[in-house]
PDB file of N, CA and C in Angstrom:
ATOM      1  N   UNK A   1      11.316   5.001 -25.305  1.00  0.00           N
ATOM      2  CA  UNK A   1      10.920   3.671 -24.872  1.00  0.00           C
ATOM      3  C   UNK A   1      11.960   3.078 -23.918  1.00  0.00           C
ATOM      4  N   UNK A   2      13.233   3.372 -24.193  1.00  0.00           N
ATOM      5  CA  UNK A   2      14.299   2.839 -23.352  1.00  0.00           C
ATOM      6  C   UNK A   2      14.222   3.411 -21.939  1.00  0.00           C
ATOM      7  N   UNK A   3      13.913   4.702 -21.834  1.00  0.00           N
ATOM      8  CA  UNK A   3      13.810   5.320 -20.508  1.00  0.00           C
ATOM      9  C   UNK A   3      12.591   4.782 -19.753  1.00  0.00           C
ATOM     10  N   UNK A   4      11.524   4.435 -20.464  1.00  0.00           N
ATOM     11  CA  UNK A   4      10.348   3.861 -19.817  1.00  0.00           C
ATOM     12  C   UNK A   4      10.671   2.487 -19.234  1.00  0.00           C
ATOM     13  N   UNK A   5      11.449   1.684 -19.965  1.00  0.00           N
ATOM     14  CA  UNK A   5      11.855   0.367 -19.460  1.00  0.00           C
ATOM     15  C   UNK A   5      12.742   0.514 -18.228  1.00  0.00           C
ATOM     16  N   UNK A   6      13.639   1.496 -18.262  1.00  0.00           N
ATOM     17  CA  UNK A   6      14.492   1.733 -17.094  1.00  0.00           C
ATOM     18  C   UNK A   6      13.655   2.180 -15.903  1.00  0.00           C
ATOM     19  N   UNK A   7      12.660   3.021 -16.154  1.00  0.00           N
ATOM     20  CA  UNK A   7      11.775   3.461 -15.088  1.00  0.00           C
ATOM     21  C   UNK A   7      11.032   2.276 -14.478  1.00  0.00           C
ATOM     22  N   UNK A   8      10.489   1.399 -15.313  1.00  0.00           N
ATOM     23  CA  UNK A   8       9.783   0.221 -14.806  1.00  0.00           C
ATOM     24  C   UNK A   8      10.716  -0.697 -14.026  1.00  0.00           C
ATOM     25  N   UNK A   9      11.938  -0.872 -14.505  1.00  0.00           N
ATOM     26  CA  UNK A   9      12.915  -1.695 -13.797  1.00  0.00           C
ATOM     27  C   UNK A   9      13.242  -1.083 -12.440  1.00  0.00           C
ATOM     28  N   UNK A  10      13.471   0.224 -12.414  1.00  0.00           N
ATOM     29  CA  UNK A  10      13.768   0.903 -11.153  1.00  0.00           C
ATOM     30  C   UNK A  10      12.592   0.803 -10.190  1.00  0.00           C
ATOM     31  N   UNK A  11      11.386   0.974 -10.692  1.00  0.00           N
ATOM     32  CA  UNK A  11      10.193   0.854  -9.861  1.00  0.00           C
ATOM     33  C   UNK A  11      10.050  -0.555  -9.307  1.00  0.00           C
ATOM     34  N   UNK A  12      10.293  -1.551 -10.147  1.00  0.00           N
ATOM     35  CA  UNK A  12      10.224  -2.946  -9.715  1.00  0.00           C
ATOM     36  C   UNK A  12      11.256  -3.225  -8.626  1.00  0.00           C
ATOM     37  N   UNK A  13      12.477  -2.754  -8.812  1.00  0.00           N
ATOM     38  CA  UNK A  13      13.528  -2.970  -7.819  1.00  0.00           C
ATOM     39  C   UNK A  13      13.201  -2.268  -6.501  1.00  0.00           C
ATOM     40  N   UNK A  14      12.636  -1.085  -6.574  1.00  0.00           N
ATOM     41  CA  UNK A  14      12.251  -0.369  -5.357  1.00  0.00           C
ATOM     42  C   UNK A  14      11.166  -1.130  -4.606  1.00  0.00           C
ATOM     43  N   UNK A  15      10.185  -1.661  -5.329  1.00  0.00           N
ATOM     44  CA  UNK A  15       9.117  -2.443  -4.695  1.00  0.00           C
ATOM     45  C   UNK A  15       9.692  -3.691  -4.027  1.00  0.00           C
ATOM     46  N   UNK A  16      10.632  -4.370  -4.685  1.00  0.00           N
ATOM     47  CA  UNK A  16      11.249  -5.568  -4.109  1.00  0.00           C
ATOM     48  C   UNK A  16      12.038  -5.210  -2.853  1.00  0.00           C
ATOM     49  N   UNK A  17      12.825  -4.155  -2.902  1.00  0.00           N
ATOM     50  CA  UNK A  17      13.638  -3.753  -1.749  1.00  0.00           C
ATOM     51  C   UNK A  17      12.757  -3.330  -0.581  1.00  0.00           C
ATOM     52  N   UNK A  18      11.728  -2.554  -0.849  1.00  0.00           N
ATOM     53  CA  UNK A  18      10.827  -2.116   0.221  1.00  0.00           C
ATOM     54  C   UNK A  18      10.081  -3.316   0.811  1.00  0.00           C
ATOM     55  N   UNK A  19       9.656  -4.236  -0.035  1.00  0.00           N
ATOM     56  CA  UNK A  19       8.995  -5.441   0.459  1.00  0.00           C
ATOM     57  C   UNK A  19       9.917  -6.270   1.335  1.00  0.00           C
ATOM     58  N   UNK A  20      11.167  -6.422   0.919  1.00  0.00           N
ATOM     59  CA  UNK A  20      12.139  -7.155   1.728  1.00  0.00           C
ATOM     60  C   UNK A  20      12.411  -6.471   3.052  1.00  0.00           C
ATOM     61  N   UNK A  21      12.508  -5.158   3.018  1.00  0.00           N
ATOM     62  CA  UNK A  21      12.738  -4.399   4.248  1.00  0.00           C
ATOM     63  C   UNK A  21      11.568  -4.548   5.214  1.00  0.00           C
ATOM     64  N   UNK A  22      10.354  -4.451   4.706  1.00  0.00           N
ATOM     65  CA  UNK A  22       9.167  -4.630   5.553  1.00  0.00           C
ATOM     66  C   UNK A  22       9.145  -6.040   6.131  1.00  0.00           C
ATOM     67  N   UNK A  23       9.498  -7.039   5.320  1.00  0.00           N
ATOM     68  CA  UNK A  23       9.527  -8.421   5.804  1.00  0.00           C
ATOM     69  C   UNK A  23      10.525  -8.571   6.947  1.00  0.00           C
ATOM     70  N   UNK A  24      11.715  -8.025   6.772  1.00  0.00           N
ATOM     71  CA  UNK A  24      12.747  -8.135   7.810  1.00  0.00           C
ATOM     72  C   UNK A  24      12.317  -7.413   9.081  1.00  0.00           C
ATOM     73  N   UNK A  25      11.744  -6.238   8.945  1.00  0.00           N
ATOM     74  CA  UNK A  25      11.339  -5.481  10.125  1.00  0.00           C
ATOM     75  C   UNK A  25      10.164  -6.109  10.863  1.00  0.00           C
ATOM     76  N   UNK A  26       9.310  -6.833  10.147  1.00  0.00           N
ATOM     77  CA  UNK A  26       8.150  -7.463  10.778  1.00  0.00           C
ATOM     78  C   UNK A  26       8.468  -8.826  11.391  1.00  0.00           C
ATOM     79  N   UNK A  27       9.619  -9.396  11.105  1.00  0.00           N
ATOM     80  CA  UNK A  27       9.961 -10.737  11.588  1.00  0.00           C
ATOM     81  C   UNK A  27      11.241 -10.701  12.411  1.00  0.00           C
ATOM     82  N   UNK A  28      11.199  -9.999  13.516  1.00  0.00           N
ATOM     83  CA  UNK A  28      12.368  -9.847  14.371  1.00  0.00           C
ATOM     84  C   UNK A  28      12.370 -10.783  15.578  1.00  0.00           C
ATOM     85  N   UNK A  29      11.420 -11.727  15.650  1.00  0.00           N
ATOM     86  CA  UNK A  29      11.386 -12.660  16.766  1.00  0.00           C
ATOM     87  C   UNK A  29      12.615 -13.561  16.698  1.00  0.00           C
ATOM     88  N   UNK A  30      13.284 -13.753  17.829  1.00  0.00           N
ATOM     89  CA  UNK A  30      14.463 -14.604  17.866  1.00  0.00           C
ATOM     90  C   UNK A  30      14.048 -16.067  17.954  1.00  0.00           C
ATOM     91  N   UNK A  31      14.687 -16.905  17.150  1.00  0.00           N
ATOM     92  CA  UNK A  31      14.441 -18.341  17.174  1.00  0.00           C
ATOM     93  C   UNK A  31      15.783 -19.050  17.095  1.00  0.00           C
ATOM     94  N   UNK A  32      15.804 -20.301  17.568  1.00  0.00           N
ATOM     95  CA  UNK A  32      16.976 -21.141  17.447  1.00  0.00           C
ATOM     96  C   UNK A  32      16.627 -22.284  16.508  1.00  0.00           C
ATOM     97  N   UNK A  33      17.435 -22.496  15.508  1.00  0.00           N
ATOM     98  CA  UNK A  33      17.204 -23.557  14.547  1.00  0.00           C
ATOM     99  C   UNK A  33      18.079 -24.746  14.912  1.00  0.00           C
ATOM    100  N   UNK A  34      17.453 -25.917  15.041  1.00  0.00           N
ATOM    101  CA  UNK A  34      18.184 -27.153  15.317  1.00  0.00           C
ATOM    102  C   UNK A  34      17.990 -28.056  14.114  1.00  0.00           C
ATOM    103  N   UNK A  35      19.102 -28.464  13.494  1.00  0.00           N
ATOM    104  CA  UNK A  35      19.046 -29.288  12.293  1.00  0.00           C
ATOM    105  C   UNK A  35      20.087 -30.391  12.411  1.00  0.00           C
ATOM    106  N   UNK A  36      19.630 -31.634  12.396  1.00  0.00           N
ATOM    107  CA  UNK A  36      20.500 -32.810  12.500  1.00  0.00           C
ATOM    108  C   UNK A  36      21.421 -32.737  13.716  1.00  0.00           C
ATOM    109  N   UNK A  37      20.881 -32.257  14.814  1.00  0.00           N
ATOM    110  CA  UNK A  37      21.650 -32.180  16.044  1.00  0.00           C
ATOM    111  C   UNK A  37      22.492 -30.925  16.179  1.00  0.00           C
ATOM    112  N   UNK A  38      22.605 -30.157  15.134  1.00  0.00           N
ATOM    113  CA  UNK A  38      23.364 -28.901  15.203  1.00  0.00           C
ATOM    114  C   UNK A  38      22.421 -27.796  15.620  1.00  0.00           C
ATOM    115  N   UNK A  39      22.820 -27.028  16.588  1.00  0.00           N
ATOM    116  CA  UNK A  39      22.001 -25.915  17.064  1.00  0.00           C
ATOM    117  C   UNK A  39      22.670 -24.610  16.643  1.00  0.00           C
ATOM    118  N   UNK A  40      21.947 -23.827  15.885  1.00  0.00           N
ATOM    119  CA  UNK A  40      22.465 -22.538  15.449  1.00  0.00           C
ATOM    120  C   UNK A  40      22.137 -21.480  16.493  1.00  0.00           C
ATOM    121  N   UNK A  41      22.884 -20.388  16.520  1.00  0.00           N
ATOM    122  CA  UNK A  41      22.584 -19.334  17.504  1.00  0.00           C
ATOM    123  C   UNK A  41      21.233 -18.686  17.228  1.00  0.00           C
ATOM    124  N   UNK A  42      20.726 -18.001  18.240  1.00  0.00           N
ATOM    125  CA  UNK A  42      19.448 -17.323  18.086  1.00  0.00           C
ATOM    126  C   UNK A  42      19.589 -16.169  17.102  1.00  0.00           C
ATOM    127  N   UNK A  43      18.747 -16.206  16.082  1.00  0.00           N
ATOM    128  CA  UNK A  43      18.712 -15.160  15.069  1.00  0.00           C
ATOM    129  C   UNK A  43      17.256 -14.849  14.765  1.00  0.00           C
ATOM    130  N   UNK A  44      16.983 -13.684  14.189  1.00  0.00           N
ATOM    131  CA  UNK A  44      15.598 -13.371  13.803  1.00  0.00           C
ATOM    132  C   UNK A  44      15.078 -14.361  12.744  1.00  0.00           C
ATOM    133  N   UNK A  45      13.779 -14.567  12.753  1.00  0.00           N
ATOM    134  CA  UNK A  45      13.134 -15.462  11.790  1.00  0.00           C
ATOM    135  C   UNK A  45      13.475 -15.036  10.361  1.00  0.00           C
ATOM    136  N   UNK A  46      13.514 -13.747  10.124  1.00  0.00           N
ATOM    137  CA  UNK A  46      13.761 -13.244   8.769  1.00  0.00           C
ATOM    138  C   UNK A  46      15.115 -13.692   8.229  1.00  0.00           C
ATOM    139  N   UNK A  47      16.116 -13.830   9.084  1.00  0.00           N
ATOM    140  CA  UNK A  47      17.434 -14.264   8.627  1.00  0.00           C
ATOM    141  C   UNK A  47      17.360 -15.685   8.074  1.00  0.00           C
ATOM    142  N   UNK A  48      16.705 -16.578   8.804  1.00  0.00           N
ATOM    143  CA  UNK A  48      16.597 -17.958   8.353  1.00  0.00           C
ATOM    144  C   UNK A  48      15.775 -18.071   7.065  1.00  0.00           C
ATOM    145  N   UNK A  49      14.707 -17.304   6.974  1.00  0.00           N
ATOM    146  CA  UNK A  49      13.862 -17.348   5.773  1.00  0.00           C
ATOM    147  C   UNK A  49      14.626 -16.817   4.563  1.00  0.00           C
ATOM    148  N   UNK A  50      15.328 -15.710   4.734  1.00  0.00           N
ATOM    149  CA  UNK A  50      16.087 -15.143   3.617  1.00  0.00           C
ATOM    150  C   UNK A  50      17.249 -16.049   3.212  1.00  0.00           C
ATOM    151  N   UNK A  51      17.896 -16.701   4.186  1.00  0.00           N
ATOM    152  CA  UNK A  51      18.958 -17.657   3.843  1.00  0.00           C
ATOM    153  C   UNK A  51      18.398 -18.838   3.056  1.00  0.00           C
ATOM    154  N   UNK A  52      17.233 -19.339   3.462  1.00  0.00           N
ATOM    155  CA  UNK A  52      16.603 -20.431   2.726  1.00  0.00           C
ATOM    156  C   UNK A  52      16.251 -19.989   1.311  1.00  0.00           C
ATOM    157  N   UNK A  53      15.776 -18.764   1.155  1.00  0.00           N
ATOM    158  CA  UNK A  53      15.461 -18.231  -0.167  1.00  0.00           C
ATOM    159  C   UNK A  53      16.707 -18.145  -1.036  1.00  0.00           C
ATOM    160  N   UNK A  54      17.796 -17.629  -0.492  1.00  0.00           N
ATOM    161  CA  UNK A  54      19.034 -17.495  -1.264  1.00  0.00           C
ATOM    162  C   UNK A  54      19.619 -18.851  -1.647  1.00  0.00           C
ATOM    163  N   UNK A  55      19.556 -19.821  -0.737  1.00  0.00           N
ATOM    164  CA  UNK A  55      20.041 -21.169  -1.063  1.00  0.00           C
ATOM    165  C   UNK A  55      19.192 -21.767  -2.174  1.00  0.00           C
ATOM    166  N   UNK A  56      17.886 -21.597  -2.098  1.00  0.00           N
ATOM    167  CA  UNK A  56      17.005 -22.094  -3.148  1.00  0.00           C
ATOM    168  C   UNK A  56      17.259 -21.419  -4.485  1.00  0.00           C
ATOM    169  N   UNK A  57      17.510 -20.111  -4.454  1.00  0.00           N
ATOM    170  CA  UNK A  57      17.807 -19.390  -5.693  1.00  0.00           C
ATOM    171  C   UNK A  57      19.132 -19.829  -6.297  1.00  0.00           C
ATOM    172  N   UNK A  58      20.053 -20.287  -5.472  1.00  0.00           N
ATOM    173  CA  UNK A  58      21.341 -20.763  -5.981  1.00  0.00           C
ATOM    174  C   UNK A  58      21.246 -22.195  -6.495  1.00  0.00           C
ATOM    175  N   UNK A  59      20.505 -23.035  -5.796  1.00  0.00           N
ATOM    176  CA  UNK A  59      20.420 -24.453  -6.157  1.00  0.00           C
ATOM    177  C   UNK A  59      19.533 -24.676  -7.376  1.00  0.00           C
ATOM    178  N   UNK A  60      18.469 -23.911  -7.520  1.00  0.00           N
ATOM    179  CA  UNK A  60      17.534 -24.084  -8.632  1.00  0.00           C
ATOM    180  C   UNK A  60      18.196 -24.026 -10.000  1.00  0.00           C
ATOM    181  N   UNK A  61      18.918 -22.964 -10.320  1.00  0.00           N
ATOM    182  CA  UNK A  61      19.578 -22.905 -11.633  1.00  0.00           C
ATOM    183  C   UNK A  61      20.638 -23.992 -11.830  1.00  0.00           C
ATOM    184  N   UNK A  62      21.319 -24.364 -10.754  1.00  0.00           N
ATOM    185  CA  UNK A  62      22.320 -25.432 -10.863  1.00  0.00           C
ATOM    186  C   UNK A  62      21.646 -26.739 -11.242  1.00  0.00           C
ATOM    187  N   UNK A  63      20.545 -27.070 -10.591  1.00  0.00           N
ATOM    188  CA  UNK A  63      19.821 -28.302 -10.932  1.00  0.00           C
ATOM    189  C   UNK A  63      19.241 -28.229 -12.338  1.00  0.00           C
ATOM    190  N   UNK A  64      18.769 -27.066 -12.748  1.00  0.00           N
ATOM    191  CA  UNK A  64      18.271 -26.899 -14.116  1.00  0.00           C
ATOM    192  C   UNK A  64      19.366 -27.104 -15.140  1.00  0.00           C
ATOM    193  N   UNK A  65      20.555 -26.601 -14.858  1.00  0.00           N
ATOM    194  CA  UNK A  65      21.694 -26.784 -15.750  1.00  0.00           C
ATOM    195  C   UNK A  65      22.080 -28.254 -15.849  1.00  0.00           C
ATOM    196  N   UNK A  66      22.095 -28.939 -14.725  1.00  0.00           N
ATOM    197  CA  UNK A  66      22.426 -30.369 -14.725  1.00  0.00           C
ATOM    198  C   UNK A  66      21.382 -31.145 -15.515  1.00  0.00           C
ATOM    199  N   UNK A  67      20.100 -30.819 -15.329  1.00  0.00           N
ATOM    200  CA  UNK A  67      19.030 -31.523 -16.045  1.00  0.00           C
ATOM    201  C   UNK A  67      19.128 -31.279 -17.544  1.00  0.00           C
ATOM    202  N   UNK A  68      19.445 -30.053 -17.949  1.00  0.00           N
ATOM    203  CA  UNK A  68      19.550 -29.784 -19.384  1.00  0.00           C
ATOM    204  C   UNK A  68      20.763 -30.467 -19.987  1.00  0.00           C
ATOM    205  N   UNK A  69      21.856 -30.580 -19.246  1.00  0.00           N
ATOM    206  CA  UNK A  69      23.049 -31.286 -19.730  1.00  0.00           C
ATOM    207  C   UNK A  69      22.764 -32.778 -19.909  1.00  0.00           C
ATOM    208  N   UNK A  70      21.980 -33.344 -18.974  1.00  0.00           N
ATOM    209  CA  UNK A  70      21.672 -34.779 -19.056  1.00  0.00           C
ATOM    210  C   UNK A  70      20.787 -35.073 -20.268  1.00  0.00           C
ATOM    211  N   UNK A  71      19.945 -34.136 -20.660  1.00  0.00           N
ATOM    212  CA  UNK A  71      19.076 -34.346 -21.818  1.00  0.00           C
ATOM    213  C   UNK A  71      19.879 -34.328 -23.127  1.00  0.00           C
ATOM    214  N   UNK A  72      20.977 -33.586 -23.132  1.00  0.00           N
ATOM    215  CA  UNK A  72      21.791 -33.493 -24.340  1.00  0.00           C
ATOM    216  C   UNK A  72      22.617 -34.748 -24.583  1.00  0.00           C
ATOM    217  N   UNK A  73      22.885 -35.503 -23.536  1.00  0.00           N
ATOM    218  CA  UNK A  73      23.744 -36.696 -23.674  1.00  0.00           C
ATOM    219  C   UNK A  73      22.978 -37.844 -24.266  1.00  0.00           C
TER     220      UNK A  73
END
């Protein structure tokens, strides 16, 4: 049973990596992002999308932790 779980985990990780790779390869159009007057250099669309995803993945648990701490007080 343990080897089956490892197999499923490995399969899941492979699907995620292949999906991410396909996303990056399909979104190579260069764009310039302007935010609050700051202009970032031209980068592929996939870079900005993946950065937004990573920032969201980092901020979400932090906000959840803060919300759970506030409920305990």
